[in-house]
Amino acid sequence: MNIIHWGIIGCGDVTEVKSGPAFNKVPNSALVAVMRRNGEKAADYAKRHNVPRWYDDASQLINDPGVNAIYIATPPDSHEAYTLAAIHAGKPVYVEKPMTLNYASAQRMANAAAEKNVKLVVAHYRRKWPLFKKIKELINEKMIGEPGLVYLQFCRPAMTKEELAVEKNAWRVNPAISGGGLFHDLAPHQLDIMFWLFGPATEINGRASNQNKVYAADDTVSGNIQFENGVDFKGNWNFNAAANKDRCEIIGSTGKLSFSFFSGNSIELVTNNQITRFDFDLLQHVQQPMIEKVVQYFRNEAGNPCTAEEGAEIMRWIGICSNCT
């Protein structure tokens, strides 16, 4: 492939700024087609973003001869079907997180890609953010000594009835569509960074409950992960809290790193009783650094920035922590 000609399946809100425009901003990449079941909305998106073609049928986009790569940005319940269809058509896939509904589905996607020798990347795009690359650099350079403990706390108030009446919010707490609740929507970002930083896990356990009972999905989750390298992770998520909290601490033998995943753009390094702060600019398109690496991978210029097997492993962790299969 000289130029990656992308087709998007599911040109909804997540693609408006976070990802969609980036496909035309990285080298050797162009967005040439979009699909949404609502043809009127697909046409509107194509017009606003100067996309040459639009569809209201995914099979038509997948089989468009001018499309040679597929980005799947629909809710998770359709990720597997669309991914398998694209793989069957021989077209590489970049699929949104969470990779799919559950671990079994993720395994089927990974197996199909391997059997057909078609490239598949999972959109754990925070791996390529300067902030998280700096965290990895500080850990590798032993700036906090040997990492031993990770504490993660994420809390936010319960969604109101008015918020739940909005479609883009409602599906996220419908397990049939999302696989679970807001934990399934947000924790993949956090757990993937833990995997990326510390590697495979030897032991995982967790529990989940529905405290507020406003929707069908659980709204509180706790999880513990023991990594092969000895790092111990403890995480708590509460989507029924009185206040917002978004904090992760990586504690080492000689220092500590503190940062947030969704509400800040800085890292605080504490070592030798000194505090050093690293600040980062907001990214205009949060997926652009990852999309650039995906394009390079599809062009055989670089390795896979997040493999299907890695994505499936994160689905396994999520399932164990939230008591979902």
Protein backbone atom coordinates (compact mmCIF):
# COMPACT_ATOMS: atom_id res chain seq x y z
CA MET A 1 0.00 0.00 0.00
CA ASN A 2 1.45 3.33 -1.04
CA ILE A 3 -1.38 5.36 0.46
CA ILE A 4 -3.73 4.04 3.14
CA HIS A 5 -7.23 4.87 1.91
CA TRP A 6 -9.45 4.65 4.98
CA GLY A 7 -13.10 3.86 5.34
CA ILE A 8 -14.80 4.55 8.68
CA ILE A 9 -17.62 2.32 9.89
CA GLY A 10 -19.54 4.33 12.48
CA CYS A 11 -18.83 8.03 11.90
CA GLY A 12 -20.37 9.18 15.18
CA ASP A 13 -19.26 11.62 17.87
CA VAL A 14 -16.00 9.83 18.69
CA THR A 15 -14.76 10.45 15.14
CA GLU A 16 -15.65 14.14 14.89
CA VAL A 17 -12.46 15.43 16.52
CA LYS A 18 -10.72 12.61 18.37
CA SER A 19 -9.90 10.49 15.33
CA GLY A 20 -11.61 11.30 12.02
CA PRO A 21 -9.66 14.43 10.93
CA ALA A 22 -6.36 12.76 11.85
CA PHE A 23 -6.65 10.28 8.98
CA ASN A 24 -6.03 13.17 6.57
CA LYS A 25 -3.25 14.71 8.66
CA VAL A 26 -0.73 11.88 8.95
CA PRO A 27 1.62 11.04 6.06
CA ASN A 28 0.50 8.52 3.43
CA SER A 29 -3.08 8.44 4.70
CA ALA A 30 -6.45 9.65 3.41
CA LEU A 31 -10.04 9.29 4.56
CA VAL A 32 -12.07 8.39 1.46
CA ALA A 33 -15.34 6.90 2.73
CA VAL A 34 -17.58 6.81 5.80
CA MET A 35 -20.56 4.71 6.82
CA ARG A 36 -23.40 5.19 9.27
CA ARG A 37 -26.71 3.37 9.36
CA ASN A 38 -28.44 6.73 9.22
CA GLY A 39 -27.62 7.76 5.67
CA GLU A 40 -28.57 11.37 6.24
CA LYS A 41 -26.04 11.65 9.08
CA ALA A 42 -23.40 9.83 7.05
CA ALA A 43 -23.90 12.25 4.17
CA ASP A 44 -23.69 15.21 6.54
CA TYR A 45 -20.45 13.92 8.06
CA ALA A 46 -18.94 13.36 4.61
CA LYS A 47 -19.87 16.86 3.52
CA ARG A 48 -18.51 18.56 6.64
CA HIS A 49 -15.24 16.60 6.57
CA ASN A 50 -14.73 16.63 2.78
CA VAL A 51 -14.96 12.85 2.50
CA PRO A 52 -15.57 11.72 -1.11
CA ARG A 53 -18.03 8.87 -0.45
CA TRP A 54 -20.57 7.85 2.18
CA TYR A 55 -22.65 4.72 2.78
CA ASP A 56 -25.48 3.51 5.01
CA ASP A 57 -24.42 -0.15 4.56
CA ALA A 58 -21.16 -1.41 6.05
CA SER A 59 -20.72 -4.16 3.46
CA GLN A 60 -20.71 -1.57 0.68
CA LEU A 61 -17.94 0.38 2.40
CA ILE A 62 -15.92 -2.76 3.14
CA ASN A 63 -16.16 -3.85 -0.49
CA ASP A 64 -15.44 -0.42 -1.92
CA PRO A 65 -12.38 -1.04 -4.15
CA GLY A 66 -11.08 2.41 -3.28
CA VAL A 67 -10.91 1.56 0.43
CA ASN A 68 -7.91 -0.48 1.54
CA ALA A 69 -8.17 -0.13 5.34
CA ILE A 70 -11.09 -0.07 7.77
CA TYR A 71 -11.54 1.90 11.01
CA ILE A 72 -14.37 0.53 13.16
CA ALA A 73 -15.82 3.15 15.51
CA THR A 74 -19.23 1.68 16.31
CA PRO A 75 -20.38 0.55 19.78
CA PRO A 76 -18.66 -2.69 20.91
CA ASP A 77 -21.54 -5.06 20.13
CA SER A 78 -20.79 -4.79 16.40
CA HIS A 79 -16.99 -4.76 16.53
CA GLU A 80 -16.60 -8.49 16.00
CA ALA A 81 -18.97 -8.76 13.04
CA TYR A 82 -17.50 -5.78 11.22
CA THR A 83 -13.93 -6.85 11.97
CA LEU A 84 -14.53 -10.36 10.66
CA ALA A 85 -16.20 -8.98 7.53
CA ALA A 86 -13.24 -6.70 6.83
CA ILE A 87 -10.76 -9.50 7.51
CA HIS A 88 -12.70 -11.77 5.13
CA ALA A 89 -12.37 -9.03 2.50
CA GLY A 90 -8.60 -8.96 3.13
CA LYS A 91 -8.56 -5.40 4.49
CA PRO A 92 -6.56 -4.42 7.59
CA VAL A 93 -8.55 -3.13 10.55
CA TYR A 94 -8.13 -0.49 13.24
CA VAL A 95 -10.85 -1.20 15.83
CA GLU A 96 -11.95 1.02 18.68
CA LYS A 97 -11.64 0.17 22.36
CA PRO A 98 -13.01 -1.72 24.11
CA MET A 99 -12.00 -4.23 21.47
CA THR A 100 -15.37 -5.99 21.68
CA LEU A 101 -17.94 -7.25 24.21
CA ASN A 102 -15.83 -9.87 25.97
CA TYR A 103 -12.69 -12.01 25.91
CA ALA A 104 -14.18 -14.85 23.86
CA SER A 105 -15.20 -12.41 21.13
CA ALA A 106 -11.76 -10.78 21.19
CA GLN A 107 -10.11 -14.17 20.79
CA ARG A 108 -12.22 -14.92 17.73
CA MET A 109 -11.18 -11.61 16.19
CA ALA A 110 -7.49 -12.23 16.93
CA ASN A 111 -7.66 -15.78 15.62
CA ALA A 112 -9.35 -14.70 12.39
CA ALA A 113 -6.72 -12.05 11.74
CA ALA A 114 -3.94 -14.57 12.33
CA GLU A 115 -5.55 -17.26 10.18
CA LYS A 116 -6.18 -14.89 7.27
CA ASN A 117 -2.87 -13.05 7.75
CA VAL A 118 -4.69 -9.71 7.87
CA LYS A 119 -3.44 -6.90 10.10
CA LEU A 120 -5.54 -5.92 13.12
CA VAL A 121 -4.79 -3.07 15.56
CA VAL A 122 -6.71 -2.11 18.71
CA ALA A 123 -7.15 1.62 19.42
CA HIS A 124 -5.40 1.82 22.77
CA TYR A 125 -4.09 5.14 21.57
CA ARG A 126 -2.81 6.53 24.88
CA ARG A 127 0.30 4.39 24.38
CA LYS A 128 1.48 6.99 21.87
CA TRP A 129 0.71 10.11 23.90
CA PRO A 130 3.80 12.09 24.95
CA LEU A 131 2.58 12.02 28.57
CA PHE A 132 2.48 8.23 28.85
CA LYS A 133 5.66 7.79 26.82
CA LYS A 134 7.34 10.07 29.38
CA ILE A 135 6.01 7.93 32.24
CA LYS A 136 7.48 4.85 30.62
CA GLU A 137 10.77 6.65 30.08
CA LEU A 138 10.95 7.73 33.75
CA ILE A 139 10.25 4.17 34.90
CA ASN A 140 12.82 2.66 32.52
CA GLU A 141 15.41 5.19 33.66
CA LYS A 142 14.80 4.12 37.30
CA MET A 143 13.78 7.61 38.33
CA ILE A 144 11.57 6.07 41.03
CA GLY A 145 13.81 3.06 41.57
CA GLU A 146 12.07 -0.28 41.16
CA PRO A 147 8.29 0.14 40.78
CA GLY A 148 6.37 -1.90 43.34
CA LEU A 149 2.84 -0.56 43.82
CA VAL A 150 0.21 1.12 41.67
CA TYR A 151 -2.88 2.75 43.16
CA LEU A 152 -5.62 3.92 40.82
CA GLN A 153 -8.78 5.72 41.87
CA PHE A 154 -11.45 6.86 39.45
CA CYS A 155 -14.73 8.31 40.67
CA ARG A 156 -17.47 10.39 39.11
CA PRO A 157 -21.05 11.27 40.01
CA ALA A 158 -23.88 9.11 38.74
CA MET A 159 -25.40 10.12 35.43
CA THR A 160 -28.69 11.94 35.72
CA LYS A 161 -31.90 10.74 34.11
CA GLU A 162 -31.50 13.51 31.55
CA GLU A 163 -28.00 12.31 30.67
CA LEU A 164 -29.17 8.70 30.43
CA ALA A 165 -31.89 9.76 28.01
CA VAL A 166 -29.20 10.77 25.48
CA GLU A 167 -28.38 7.90 23.13
CA LYS A 168 -24.60 8.37 23.19
CA ASN A 169 -24.70 7.95 26.99
CA ALA A 170 -27.40 5.28 27.24
CA TRP A 171 -25.64 2.61 25.18
CA ARG A 172 -22.52 2.85 27.37
CA VAL A 173 -24.46 1.51 30.37
CA ASN A 174 -26.34 -1.15 28.39
CA PRO A 175 -24.33 -4.39 28.79
CA ALA A 176 -25.84 -5.87 25.63
CA ILE A 177 -24.25 -3.05 23.60
CA SER A 178 -21.18 -2.06 25.62
CA GLY A 179 -20.31 -5.33 27.36
CA GLY A 180 -20.76 -3.72 30.77
CA GLY A 181 -21.02 -0.21 32.14
CA LEU A 182 -18.75 2.82 32.24
CA PHE A 183 -15.97 0.59 33.55
CA HIS A 184 -15.95 -1.20 30.19
CA ASP A 185 -15.88 2.16 28.42
CA LEU A 186 -13.08 3.86 30.39
CA ALA A 187 -10.97 1.20 32.12
CA PRO A 188 -9.54 -0.21 28.87
CA HIS A 189 -7.45 2.96 28.57
CA GLN A 190 -6.12 2.59 32.10
CA LEU A 191 -5.55 -1.16 32.12
CA ASP A 192 -3.85 -1.13 28.74
CA ILE A 193 -1.33 1.44 29.98
CA MET A 194 -0.64 -0.82 32.95
CA PHE A 195 -0.05 -3.74 30.57
CA TRP A 196 2.12 -1.55 28.34
CA LEU A 197 4.20 -0.39 31.31
CA PHE A 198 4.51 -3.60 33.32
CA GLY A 199 3.77 -6.53 31.02
CA PRO A 200 1.90 -9.78 31.64
CA ALA A 201 -0.08 -10.52 34.79
CA THR A 202 0.17 -13.64 36.91
CA GLU A 203 -2.90 -13.10 39.08
CA ILE A 204 -6.07 -11.02 38.65
CA ASN A 205 -9.13 -10.73 40.83
CA GLY A 206 -11.93 -8.25 41.29
CA ARG A 207 -15.55 -7.64 42.13
CA ALA A 208 -18.31 -5.41 40.82
CA SER A 209 -21.69 -4.27 42.06
CA ASN A 210 -24.63 -2.13 41.04
CA GLN A 211 -25.02 0.30 43.93
CA ASN A 212 -27.26 2.93 42.40
CA LYS A 213 -29.45 0.57 40.34
CA VAL A 214 -30.33 3.31 37.87
CA TYR A 215 -29.28 1.15 34.93
CA ALA A 216 -28.53 -2.54 34.34
CA ALA A 217 -24.71 -2.32 34.43
CA ASP A 218 -22.54 -2.38 37.54
CA ASP A 219 -21.41 1.06 38.69
CA THR A 220 -18.60 0.14 41.10
CA VAL A 221 -15.60 -2.08 40.40
CA SER A 222 -12.45 -2.99 42.29
CA GLY A 223 -9.57 -4.92 40.78
CA ASN A 224 -6.20 -6.29 41.82
CA ILE A 225 -3.45 -7.35 39.44
CA GLN A 226 -0.14 -8.98 40.26
CA PHE A 227 2.34 -8.58 37.41
CA GLU A 228 5.09 -11.04 36.49
CA ASN A 229 7.69 -8.40 37.34
CA GLY A 230 6.33 -8.15 40.89
CA VAL A 231 4.37 -4.90 40.57
CA ASP A 232 1.11 -4.95 42.53
CA PHE A 233 -1.84 -2.96 41.11
CA LYS A 234 -4.94 -1.95 43.03
CA GLY A 235 -7.75 -0.10 41.27
CA ASN A 236 -11.13 1.26 42.34
CA TRP A 237 -13.79 2.68 40.04
CA ASN A 238 -16.99 4.29 41.31
CA PHE A 239 -19.51 5.79 38.89
CA ASN A 240 -21.91 6.65 41.69
CA ALA A 241 -19.71 8.97 43.76
CA ALA A 242 -20.26 12.38 45.34
CA ALA A 243 -17.27 13.90 43.55
CA ASN A 244 -14.82 13.44 40.71
CA LYS A 245 -11.46 11.80 41.27
CA ASP A 246 -8.96 10.67 38.65
CA ARG A 247 -5.58 9.77 40.09
CA CYS A 248 -2.96 7.11 39.53
CA GLU A 249 0.18 6.69 41.61
CA ILE A 250 3.12 4.47 40.71
CA ILE A 251 5.24 3.99 43.82
CA GLY A 252 8.80 2.79 43.52
CA SER A 253 11.65 2.03 45.88
CA THR A 254 13.04 5.59 45.70
CA GLY A 255 10.20 7.75 44.39
CA LYS A 256 6.67 8.15 43.08
CA LEU A 257 4.85 9.18 39.90
CA SER A 258 1.38 10.75 40.04
CA PHE A 259 -0.89 11.55 37.09
CA SER A 260 -4.45 11.33 35.82
CA PHE A 261 -5.86 9.57 32.77
CA PHE A 262 -8.75 11.81 31.80
CA SER A 263 -8.55 15.12 33.69
CA GLY A 264 -4.99 16.38 33.49
CA ASN A 265 -1.94 16.78 31.29
CA SER A 266 0.91 16.62 33.77
CA ILE A 267 3.11 14.17 35.65
CA GLU A 268 4.43 14.75 39.15
CA LEU A 269 7.68 13.02 40.02
CA VAL A 270 8.63 12.85 43.71
CA THR A 271 12.15 11.67 44.48
CA ASN A 272 14.74 12.66 47.10
CA ASN A 273 12.15 14.95 48.69
CA GLN A 274 12.03 16.95 45.46
CA ILE A 275 8.97 17.45 43.25
CA THR A 276 9.42 17.72 39.49
CA ARG A 277 6.47 18.46 37.24
CA PHE A 278 6.21 17.62 33.56
CA ASP A 279 3.48 19.42 31.60
CA PHE A 280 2.14 18.46 28.19
CA ASP A 281 0.08 20.28 25.60
CA LEU A 282 -3.42 19.10 24.79
CA LEU A 283 -3.61 17.11 21.58
CA GLN A 284 -6.01 18.47 18.98
CA HIS A 285 -6.80 14.94 17.76
CA VAL A 286 -6.08 12.49 20.56
CA GLN A 287 -5.71 9.50 18.23
CA GLN A 288 -3.38 11.15 15.72
CA PRO A 289 -0.09 9.80 17.16
CA MET A 290 -1.53 6.28 17.20
CA ILE A 291 -3.04 6.57 13.72
CA GLU A 292 0.36 7.61 12.39
CA LYS A 293 1.86 4.40 13.80
CA VAL A 294 -1.03 2.31 12.44
CA VAL A 295 -0.43 3.75 8.96
CA GLN A 296 3.25 2.90 9.25
CA TYR A 297 2.36 -0.65 10.33
CA PHE A 298 -0.07 -1.12 7.46
CA ARG A 299 2.68 0.10 5.09
CA ASN A 300 5.17 -2.41 6.59
CA GLU A 301 7.31 0.41 7.96
CA ALA A 302 6.85 -0.38 11.67
CA GLY A 303 5.50 -3.00 14.05
CA ASN A 304 1.96 -3.31 15.37
CA PRO A 305 1.40 -0.54 17.96
CA CYS A 306 -1.27 -2.63 19.77
CA THR A 307 -1.84 -6.20 18.68
CA ALA A 308 -5.11 -8.11 18.70
CA GLU A 309 -3.62 -10.48 21.26
CA GLU A 310 -2.84 -7.55 23.56
CA GLY A 311 -6.32 -6.17 23.09
CA ALA A 312 -7.80 -9.57 23.90
CA GLU A 313 -5.73 -9.78 27.07
CA ILE A 314 -7.12 -6.45 28.26
CA MET A 315 -10.63 -7.81 27.60
CA ARG A 316 -9.73 -10.79 29.81
CA TRP A 317 -8.63 -8.49 32.63
CA ILE A 318 -11.79 -6.41 32.32
CA GLY A 319 -13.94 -9.51 32.43
CA ILE A 320 -12.27 -10.83 35.58
CA CYS A 321 -12.35 -7.49 37.41
CA SER A 322 -16.01 -6.90 36.58
CA ASN A 323 -17.19 -10.50 36.91
CA CYS A 324 -18.22 -10.50 33.24
CA THR A 325 -17.49 -13.19 30.64
